[in-house]
Amino acid sequence: MNASPYTLIIGLEVHVQLKTNTKLFCRCSTLFGQPPNTQVCPVCLGLPGALPVLNRRAIELAVRTGLALNSDIAPFTKWDRKNYFYPDLPKGYQTSQFDLPICSKGFLDIRDSKGAFEPKRVRLIRAHLEEDAGKSMHDESQGKADSRIDLNRAGTPLLEIVTEPDIRSPQEAKVFLTDLRLLLLYLDVSDCNMQEGSLRADANVNLHIPVDGKMVATPITEIKNLNSFRAVERALVYESARQYDQWKRDGIALGGRPKQTRGWDDAQGVTILQREKEESSDYRYFPCPDLVPVTLSQSELDSAKETLGELPAAIRARLVTQYDLKEYDSDVIVSQGRELVEYFEQAVVAGAPPKRASSWIQQDILRLLNERQQSLADLGFSAVRLAELTKAIESGSIDTTRGKEIFARMLEDKNLTVAAAIEALGIKSVGDDELMELCRQLLAENQKAVSEYKGGNAKALGALIGQAKKKNPNADPRRVQDLCKQILDSSN
């Protein structure tokens, strides 16, 4: 595999809508999907004389997030006005934080369970609070190309999380966003619904190219309109190739070009130039005269720490050490959310063998939840019932195939126990004498498989399992195979 001719440098800006009932500086609802301009008031419309009042809950959620991201929480922070003109910004400025953000520094450790890259630490520059702007709705379907403005989102509380340029591949960027989203869901600070705009990411990307013993950097491009983690990954792949192709054409002259903002067109799979990128000085930041600074005491920070609970990285590690799960299996369970972790542990407490319970959750429970688009509560298969089923399989009372039949029957009747399901399905235990006679019959009828086994092919007897189930549906496949080997080995 050839080494890349450049180093890809990526930093992310993630906008997280905080899980508050009302907006950052007024009492308008943040409920999604309401008719345009029905959740507005003089404050979020920017009408003269309207004064903002801070939403305390937004501060609490920002602090909780900062603590989980190992950030320094500012005991004193203030509000600033970020001045720019856009139709969906009725005040002509956005209330944000500039030089004194509520969270500074911090990090998030990421790892890829598939081994695409080594575990690494992505450092954070800051996380600051700000209000969202409205939304421009472009109506081109009628051929008029009209744009309308919906200000329902104006004033919605956002926490903008800004990373250092520590990310080196599109895959790392996707994993960082995935892990960050999982952390935010465990913290219950946001619903992180990208389709509704609750989680948005912009990517800053450029290349470091070795030239004559020196490292030359291409201009930084900020990519916007990234509506999914997959889109982030695809956009970074495209943009890195585009920048390198342009470098090969323009060479050193490219270094004198300004930064750009480009939009991602997901349908075409390309980034499109929108404008030259602004510097912070272009926004003419100054302290907001309508809001007092926010001060936080140590006791408030201590109280916030107590609300964090066990976080995903710690749970992943604990499931591996406490229950001897593989890292991949632990990752799958944890990535589904706290509810599934609790379900797994409740099953183990009820007696389920941990590895078998993990396997059933991944292969059967999650499959049904995805197919039916249900929650665990709606599925109607409690952790105690899963424990009862997996214990029966582990003990050898039933085999996995019959276990799946029992599972399906118990789903149909939410009050059915394993024992009752076995009786309803007519499943009977087969004794060793009966199984031994069945195995002798199978071996007599399958001399080719016998010869292959004696010739050193240990897998040859696998062909007998299907025949055994046809002759006796209650035969345990594992026991049949063991007895067949026992008969053949003793005859040598």
Foldseek 3Di string as FASTA:
>chain_A
DDDDQWFKWKKKKKKAQFPDQAFAFDRFGLDFDDPFPPRDDCVLLQPPPDFTDGDVVLVLLLLLLLVVQVWDFDQWFAWKWQADDDPQRNNRTKIWGDPGFRTAKGWDWFDDPVPPDHIDIWIWGTKHKIADTWDWDFDPVVVPRDIDTGGSRRRGIIIITIIGRPDGALVSQLRVVLQSQLQCVLLNGHPCQLVRPSMFMKMWMWIFGDDPNHTAIAEIEIEGPQRHSVSSRLASVQVHVVRVVVCVVPPPVRSPDAYFYWYADVVVSYTHTDGGDDDSVVRVMDGDPRDDMHGDDPVSSVVSVVSSPDGLVNQLVCCCVVQVDDSVLSCVQSSVDDVSVVQLVVLVVLAANNHLLSVCCVPPVVVVCVVVVDDPVVQLQGSNQSNQLRVCCVVVVADVVVSVVLVVVCSVPSVDHSVNSCVVVVADADDPVRLLVLLVVLCVVCVVLLVVVVVPDLCSCVVSLVVSCVVPVNDHSVVSSVSNCVVSVVVD
